[in-house]
PDB file of N, CA and C in Angstrom:
ATOM      1  N   MET A   1     -18.675 -24.466  22.877  1.00  0.00           N
ATOM      2  CA  MET A   1     -17.231 -24.512  22.892  1.00  0.00           C
ATOM      3  C   MET A   1     -16.497 -25.002  23.955  1.00  0.00           C
ATOM      4  N   LYS A   2     -15.332 -25.741  23.571  1.00  0.00           N
ATOM      5  CA  LYS A   2     -14.673 -26.442  24.808  1.00  0.00           C
ATOM      6  C   LYS A   2     -13.970 -25.546  25.471  1.00  0.00           C
ATOM      7  N   PRO A   3     -14.385 -25.706  27.084  1.00  0.00           N
ATOM      8  CA  PRO A   3     -13.244 -24.821  27.712  1.00  0.00           C
ATOM      9  C   PRO A   3     -11.740 -25.384  27.872  1.00  0.00           C
ATOM     10  N   LYS A   4     -10.839 -23.672  28.252  1.00  0.00           N
ATOM     11  CA  LYS A   4      -9.990 -24.053  28.167  1.00  0.00           C
ATOM     12  C   LYS A   4      -8.941 -24.690  27.175  1.00  0.00           C
ATOM     13  N   ILE A   5      -9.305 -24.211  25.877  1.00  0.00           N
ATOM     14  CA  ILE A   5      -8.702 -24.578  24.716  1.00  0.00           C
ATOM     15  C   ILE A   5      -8.447 -23.174  23.715  1.00  0.00           C
ATOM     16  N   HIS A   6      -8.764 -22.239  24.045  1.00  0.00           N
ATOM     17  CA  HIS A   6      -8.685 -21.101  23.338  1.00  0.00           C
ATOM     18  C   HIS A   6      -8.180 -19.886  24.067  1.00  0.00           C
ATOM     19  N   PRO A   7      -7.043 -19.273  23.049  1.00  0.00           N
ATOM     20  CA  PRO A   7      -5.967 -18.695  23.510  1.00  0.00           C
ATOM     21  C   PRO A   7      -6.692 -17.190  24.173  1.00  0.00           C
ATOM     22  N   GLN A   8      -5.861 -16.524  25.197  1.00  0.00           N
ATOM     23  CA  GLN A   8      -6.581 -15.363  25.945  1.00  0.00           C
ATOM     24  C   GLN A   8      -6.596 -14.089  24.643  1.00  0.00           C
ATOM     25  N   TYR A   9      -7.430 -13.493  24.447  1.00  0.00           N
ATOM     26  CA  TYR A   9      -7.944 -12.184  23.879  1.00  0.00           C
ATOM     27  C   TYR A   9      -7.665 -11.003  24.694  1.00  0.00           C
ATOM     28  N   THR A  10      -6.486 -10.425  24.305  1.00  0.00           N
ATOM     29  CA  THR A  10      -6.190  -9.154  24.987  1.00  0.00           C
ATOM     30  C   THR A  10      -5.781  -7.774  24.571  1.00  0.00           C
ATOM     31  N   THR A  11      -5.855  -6.754  24.840  1.00  0.00           N
ATOM     32  CA  THR A  11      -5.733  -5.008  24.207  1.00  0.00           C
ATOM     33  C   THR A  11      -4.007  -5.624  24.424  1.00  0.00           C
ATOM     34  N   ILE A  12      -3.194  -4.924  22.746  1.00  0.00           N
ATOM     35  CA  ILE A  12      -2.379  -4.550  22.965  1.00  0.00           C
ATOM     36  C   ILE A  12      -1.819  -3.312  22.285  1.00  0.00           C
ATOM     37  N   THR A  13      -1.214  -2.677  22.149  1.00  0.00           N
ATOM     38  CA  THR A  13      -0.607  -1.704  21.337  1.00  0.00           C
ATOM     39  C   THR A  13      -0.005  -1.936  20.239  1.00  0.00           C
ATOM     40  N   VAL A  14      -0.116  -1.433  19.166  1.00  0.00           N
ATOM     41  CA  VAL A  14       0.535  -1.293  17.958  1.00  0.00           C
ATOM     42  C   VAL A  14       1.142   0.034  18.132  1.00  0.00           C
ATOM     43  N   THR A  15       2.392  -0.028  17.584  1.00  0.00           N
ATOM     44  CA  THR A  15       3.405   1.003  17.461  1.00  0.00           C
ATOM     45  C   THR A  15       3.836   1.062  15.870  1.00  0.00           C
ATOM     46  N   CYS A  16       4.204   2.098  15.253  1.00  0.00           N
ATOM     47  CA  CYS A  16       4.491   2.594  14.267  1.00  0.00           C
ATOM     48  C   CYS A  16       5.675   2.795  13.969  1.00  0.00           C
ATOM     49  N   SER A  17       6.516   2.662  13.099  1.00  0.00           N
ATOM     50  CA  SER A  17       7.841   3.514  13.186  1.00  0.00           C
ATOM     51  C   SER A  17       8.007   4.654  13.077  1.00  0.00           C
ATOM     52  N   CYS A  18       7.143   5.173  12.464  1.00  0.00           N
ATOM     53  CA  CYS A  18       6.397   6.921  12.312  1.00  0.00           C
ATOM     54  C   CYS A  18       6.080   7.702  13.866  1.00  0.00           C
ATOM     55  N   GLY A  19       6.072   6.742  14.732  1.00  0.00           N
ATOM     56  CA  GLY A  19       5.627   7.128  15.511  1.00  0.00           C
ATOM     57  C   GLY A  19       4.019   7.192  16.133  1.00  0.00           C
ATOM     58  N   ASN A  20       3.317   6.721  15.359  1.00  0.00           N
ATOM     59  CA  ASN A  20       1.743   6.562  15.859  1.00  0.00           C
ATOM     60  C   ASN A  20       1.710   5.097  16.308  1.00  0.00           C
ATOM     61  N   SER A  21       0.463   5.354  17.209  1.00  0.00           N
ATOM     62  CA  SER A  21      -0.014   4.049  18.065  1.00  0.00           C
ATOM     63  C   SER A  21      -1.056   4.095  18.135  1.00  0.00           C
ATOM     64  N   TRP A  22      -1.739   2.581  18.119  1.00  0.00           N
ATOM     65  CA  TRP A  22      -2.996   2.493  18.580  1.00  0.00           C
ATOM     66  C   TRP A  22      -3.241   1.227  19.193  1.00  0.00           C
ATOM     67  N   ASP A  23      -4.670   0.949  20.184  1.00  0.00           N
ATOM     68  CA  ASP A  23      -4.789   0.144  20.392  1.00  0.00           C
ATOM     69  C   ASP A  23      -5.610  -0.839  19.965  1.00  0.00           C
ATOM     70  N   THR A  24      -5.654  -2.563  19.817  1.00  0.00           N
ATOM     71  CA  THR A  24      -6.104  -3.122  19.296  1.00  0.00           C
ATOM     72  C   THR A  24      -6.639  -4.442  20.344  1.00  0.00           C
ATOM     73  N   ARG A  25      -7.147  -5.531  19.741  1.00  0.00           N
ATOM     74  CA  ARG A  25      -7.204  -6.434  20.346  1.00  0.00           C
ATOM     75  C   ARG A  25      -6.481  -7.702  19.593  1.00  0.00           C
ATOM     76  N   SER A  26      -6.117  -8.949  20.210  1.00  0.00           N
ATOM     77  CA  SER A  26      -5.162  -9.534  19.939  1.00  0.00           C
ATOM     78  C   SER A  26      -5.000 -10.586  20.519  1.00  0.00           C
ATOM     79  N   THR A  27      -4.403 -11.863  20.177  1.00  0.00           N
ATOM     80  CA  THR A  27      -4.368 -13.313  21.093  1.00  0.00           C
ATOM     81  C   THR A  27      -2.747 -13.188  21.416  1.00  0.00           C
ATOM     82  N   MET A  28      -1.925 -12.367  20.593  1.00  0.00           N
ATOM     83  CA  MET A  28      -0.704 -12.077  21.009  1.00  0.00           C
ATOM     84  C   MET A  28      -0.662 -11.313  22.270  1.00  0.00           C
ATOM     85  N   SER A  29       0.041 -11.934  23.200  1.00  0.00           N
ATOM     86  CA  SER A  29       0.483 -11.436  24.526  1.00  0.00           C
ATOM     87  C   SER A  29       1.111 -10.273  24.773  1.00  0.00           C
ATOM     88  N   ARG A  30       1.558  -9.617  23.580  1.00  0.00           N
ATOM     89  CA  ARG A  30       2.537  -8.765  23.743  1.00  0.00           C
ATOM     90  C   ARG A  30       2.596  -7.751  23.017  1.00  0.00           C
ATOM     91  N   ASP A  31       2.958  -6.157  23.279  1.00  0.00           N
ATOM     92  CA  ASP A  31       2.800  -5.264  22.155  1.00  0.00           C
ATOM     93  C   ASP A  31       3.587  -5.713  20.550  1.00  0.00           C
ATOM     94  N   LEU A  32       2.836  -4.693  19.606  1.00  0.00           N
ATOM     95  CA  LEU A  32       3.697  -4.905  18.576  1.00  0.00           C
ATOM     96  C   LEU A  32       4.216  -3.950  18.037  1.00  0.00           C
ATOM     97  N   HIS A  33       5.410  -3.920  17.014  1.00  0.00           N
ATOM     98  CA  HIS A  33       6.058  -3.277  16.382  1.00  0.00           C
ATOM     99  C   HIS A  33       5.973  -3.335  14.694  1.00  0.00           C
ATOM    100  N   VAL A  34       5.677  -2.274  13.993  1.00  0.00           N
ATOM    101  CA  VAL A  34       5.242  -2.517  12.794  1.00  0.00           C
ATOM    102  C   VAL A  34       6.088  -1.194  11.891  1.00  0.00           C
ATOM    103  N   GLU A  35       6.567  -1.622  10.809  1.00  0.00           N
ATOM    104  CA  GLU A  35       7.284  -0.204   9.944  1.00  0.00           C
ATOM    105  C   GLU A  35       6.481   0.228   9.308  1.00  0.00           C
ATOM    106  N   VAL A  36       4.883   0.186   8.741  1.00  0.00           N
ATOM    107  CA  VAL A  36       4.590   0.818   8.114  1.00  0.00           C
ATOM    108  C   VAL A  36       3.237   1.089   8.454  1.00  0.00           C
ATOM    109  N   CYS A  37       2.271   2.046   8.684  1.00  0.00           N
ATOM    110  CA  CYS A  37       0.857   1.973   8.833  1.00  0.00           C
ATOM    111  C   CYS A  37       0.080   2.885   8.076  1.00  0.00           C
ATOM    112  N   SER A  38      -0.965   2.977   8.035  1.00  0.00           N
ATOM    113  CA  SER A  38      -1.992   3.897   7.264  1.00  0.00           C
ATOM    114  C   SER A  38      -1.646   5.320   6.948  1.00  0.00           C
ATOM    115  N   VAL A  39      -0.989   5.399   8.355  1.00  0.00           N
ATOM    116  CA  VAL A  39      -0.629   7.275   8.365  1.00  0.00           C
ATOM    117  C   VAL A  39       0.600   7.290   7.706  1.00  0.00           C
ATOM    118  N   CYS A  40       1.571   6.602   7.087  1.00  0.00           N
ATOM    119  CA  CYS A  40       3.137   7.104   6.813  1.00  0.00           C
ATOM    120  C   CYS A  40       2.935   6.171   5.516  1.00  0.00           C
ATOM    121  N   HIS A  41       2.275   4.933   5.015  1.00  0.00           N
ATOM    122  CA  HIS A  41       2.297   4.402   3.845  1.00  0.00           C
ATOM    123  C   HIS A  41       1.817   5.313   2.622  1.00  0.00           C
ATOM    124  N   PRO A  42       2.695   5.092   1.439  1.00  0.00           N
ATOM    125  CA  PRO A  42       3.013   6.003   0.389  1.00  0.00           C
ATOM    126  C   PRO A  42       1.628   5.737  -0.243  1.00  0.00           C
ATOM    127  N   PHE A  43       0.905   4.577  -0.315  1.00  0.00           N
ATOM    128  CA  PHE A  43      -0.337   4.576  -0.728  1.00  0.00           C
ATOM    129  C   PHE A  43      -1.540   5.402  -0.224  1.00  0.00           C
ATOM    130  N   TYR A  44      -1.609   5.559   1.021  1.00  0.00           N
ATOM    131  CA  TYR A  44      -2.471   6.187   1.810  1.00  0.00           C
ATOM    132  C   TYR A  44      -2.042   7.501   1.525  1.00  0.00           C
ATOM    133  N   THR A  45      -1.113   8.215   1.789  1.00  0.00           N
ATOM    134  CA  THR A  45      -0.854   9.504   1.885  1.00  0.00           C
ATOM    135  C   THR A  45      -0.407  10.284   0.677  1.00  0.00           C
ATOM    136  N   GLY A  46      -0.787   9.439  -0.468  1.00  0.00           N
ATOM    137  CA  GLY A  46      -0.715  10.193  -2.245  1.00  0.00           C
ATOM    138  C   GLY A  46       0.608  10.369  -2.273  1.00  0.00           C
ATOM    139  N   LYS A  47       1.862   9.994  -1.681  1.00  0.00           N
ATOM    140  CA  LYS A  47       3.123  10.307  -2.079  1.00  0.00           C
ATOM    141  C   LYS A  47       3.406   9.260  -2.724  1.00  0.00           C
ATOM    142  N   GLN A  48       2.935   8.338  -3.663  1.00  0.00           N
ATOM    143  CA  GLN A  48       3.201   7.165  -4.094  1.00  0.00           C
ATOM    144  C   GLN A  48       3.739   7.753  -5.740  1.00  0.00           C
ATOM    145  N   LYS A  49       5.027   6.926  -5.698  1.00  0.00           N
ATOM    146  CA  LYS A  49       5.463   7.714  -7.211  1.00  0.00           C
ATOM    147  C   LYS A  49       5.389   6.444  -7.930  1.00  0.00           C
ATOM    148  N   LEU A  50       5.581   6.521  -9.370  1.00  0.00           N
ATOM    149  CA  LEU A  50       5.794   5.330 -10.247  1.00  0.00           C
ATOM    150  C   LEU A  50       7.389   5.455 -10.763  1.00  0.00           C
ATOM    151  N   VAL A  51       8.441   4.160 -10.465  1.00  0.00           N
ATOM    152  CA  VAL A  51       9.267   4.147 -10.587  1.00  0.00           C
ATOM    153  C   VAL A  51       9.498   3.153 -12.020  1.00  0.00           C
ATOM    154  N   ASP A  52      10.158   4.261 -13.128  1.00  0.00           N
ATOM    155  CA  ASP A  52      10.126   3.386 -14.318  1.00  0.00           C
ATOM    156  C   ASP A  52      11.776   3.656 -14.745  1.00  0.00           C
ATOM    157  N   THR A  53      12.461   2.569 -14.529  1.00  0.00           N
ATOM    158  CA  THR A  53      13.942   2.427 -14.622  1.00  0.00           C
ATOM    159  C   THR A  53      13.959   2.145 -16.249  1.00  0.00           C
ATOM    160  N   ALA A  54      13.260   1.654 -16.812  1.00  0.00           N
ATOM    161  CA  ALA A  54      13.905   1.335 -18.469  1.00  0.00           C
ATOM    162  C   ALA A  54      12.983   2.146 -19.119  1.00  0.00           C
ATOM    163  N   GLY A  55      11.901   2.986 -19.005  1.00  0.00           N
ATOM    164  CA  GLY A  55      11.295   3.525 -19.901  1.00  0.00           C
ATOM    165  C   GLY A  55      10.188   2.838 -20.361  1.00  0.00           C
ATOM    166  N   ARG A  56       9.432   1.768 -19.540  1.00  0.00           N
ATOM    167  CA  ARG A  56       8.200   1.127 -20.044  1.00  0.00           C
ATOM    168  C   ARG A  56       7.208   2.028 -20.366  1.00  0.00           C
ATOM    169  N   VAL A  57       7.122   2.824 -19.159  1.00  0.00           N
ATOM    170  CA  VAL A  57       5.716   3.623 -19.441  1.00  0.00           C
ATOM    171  C   VAL A  57       5.513   4.578 -20.459  1.00  0.00           C
ATOM    172  N   GLU A  58       6.802   5.247 -20.729  1.00  0.00           N
ATOM    173  CA  GLU A  58       6.717   6.136 -22.058  1.00  0.00           C
ATOM    174  C   GLU A  58       6.801   5.142 -23.508  1.00  0.00           C
ATOM    175  N   LYS A  59       7.006   4.121 -23.060  1.00  0.00           N
ATOM    176  CA  LYS A  59       7.404   3.390 -24.678  1.00  0.00           C
ATOM    177  C   LYS A  59       5.964   2.476 -24.634  1.00  0.00           C
ATOM    178  N   PHE A  60       5.284   2.334 -23.798  1.00  0.00           N
ATOM    179  CA  PHE A  60       3.690   2.119 -23.846  1.00  0.00           C
ATOM    180  C   PHE A  60       2.998   3.138 -24.235  1.00  0.00           C
ATOM    181  N   ARG A  61       2.935   4.239 -23.813  1.00  0.00           N
ATOM    182  CA  ARG A  61       2.269   5.486 -24.085  1.00  0.00           C
ATOM    183  C   ARG A  61       2.686   5.894 -25.615  1.00  0.00           C
ATOM    184  N   GLN A  62       3.604   5.540 -26.075  1.00  0.00           N
ATOM    185  CA  GLN A  62       4.096   5.682 -27.583  1.00  0.00           C
ATOM    186  C   GLN A  62       3.501   4.855 -28.373  1.00  0.00           C
ATOM    187  N   LYS A  63       3.416   3.442 -27.668  1.00  0.00           N
ATOM    188  CA  LYS A  63       2.763   2.543 -28.788  1.00  0.00           C
ATOM    189  C   LYS A  63       1.074   2.396 -28.708  1.00  0.00           C
ATOM    190  N   TYR A  64       0.575   2.984 -27.758  1.00  0.00           N
ATOM    191  CA  TYR A  64      -1.041   3.136 -27.887  1.00  0.00           C
ATOM    192  C   TYR A  64      -1.494   4.468 -28.038  1.00  0.00           C
ATOM    193  N   ALA A  65      -0.516   5.571 -28.281  1.00  0.00           N
ATOM    194  CA  ALA A  65      -0.815   6.857 -28.406  1.00  0.00           C
ATOM    195  C   ALA A  65      -1.789   6.865 -29.659  1.00  0.00           C
ATOM    196  N   ARG A  66      -2.652   8.190 -29.864  1.00  0.00           N
ATOM    197  CA  ARG A  66      -3.975   7.937 -30.660  1.00  0.00           C
ATOM    198  C   ARG A  66      -3.075   8.352 -31.941  1.00  0.00           C
ATOM    199  N   LYS A  67      -3.167   7.647 -32.898  1.00  0.00           N
ATOM    200  CA  LYS A  67      -2.593   8.416 -34.315  1.00  0.00           C
ATOM    201  C   LYS A  67      -3.459   9.769 -35.045  1.00  0.00           C
ATOM    202  N   PRO A  68      -2.718  10.321 -36.049  1.00  0.00           N
ATOM    203  CA  PRO A  68      -3.366  11.404 -36.654  1.00  0.00           C
ATOM    204  C   PRO A  68      -4.707  10.464 -37.264  1.00  0.00           C
ATOM    205  N   ALA A  69      -5.554  11.350 -37.898  1.00  0.00           N
ATOM    206  CA  ALA A  69      -6.475  10.748 -39.046  1.00  0.00           C
ATOM    207  C   ALA A  69      -5.782  10.486 -39.812  1.00  0.00           C
ATOM    208  N   ALA A  70      -6.517   9.528 -40.855  1.00  0.00           N
ATOM    209  CA  ALA A  70      -5.826   8.792 -42.007  1.00  0.00           C
ATOM    210  C   ALA A  70      -6.064  10.037 -43.204  1.00  0.00           C
ATOM    211  N   ALA A  71      -6.767  11.189 -43.194  1.00  0.00           N
ATOM    212  CA  ALA A  71      -7.074  12.126 -43.716  1.00  0.00           C
ATOM    213  C   ALA A  71      -5.881  13.185 -43.913  1.00  0.00           C
ATOM    214  N   ALA A  72      -5.415  13.108 -42.748  1.00  0.00           N
ATOM    215  CA  ALA A  72      -4.554  14.074 -42.544  1.00  0.00           C
ATOM    216  C   ALA A  72      -3.174  13.749 -42.984  1.00  0.00           C
ATOM    217  N   ALA A  73      -2.773  12.075 -42.986  1.00  0.00           N
ATOM    218  CA  ALA A  73      -1.612  11.338 -43.876  1.00  0.00           C
ATOM    219  C   ALA A  73      -1.692  11.400 -45.531  1.00  0.00           C
ATOM    220  N   THR A  74      -2.827  11.940 -45.635  1.00  0.00           N
ATOM    221  CA  THR A  74      -3.102  11.736 -47.230  1.00  0.00           C
ATOM    222  C   THR A  74      -2.397  13.342 -48.025  1.00  0.00           C
ATOM    223  N   LYS A  75      -2.436  14.111 -47.226  1.00  0.00           N
ATOM    224  CA  LYS A  75      -2.306  15.962 -47.808  1.00  0.00           C
ATOM    225  C   LYS A  75      -0.947  15.546 -48.122  1.00  0.00           C
TER     226      LYS A  75
END
């Protein structure tokens, strides 16, 4: 490796808007502030909600729902 061409790799503190913080290493020379982390992100916390404004999920379920057997239809 060539000397004096690589950036300094230092320890920085990452702080989330929820208050969680941790130390990591980076070439960034200042601390980092993020909006979401693995502690507060809905996917990781299990609080993720399915937003269906046009009823598309229900239409899909009705379209591909199992139909009653053909024998029941002939009665």
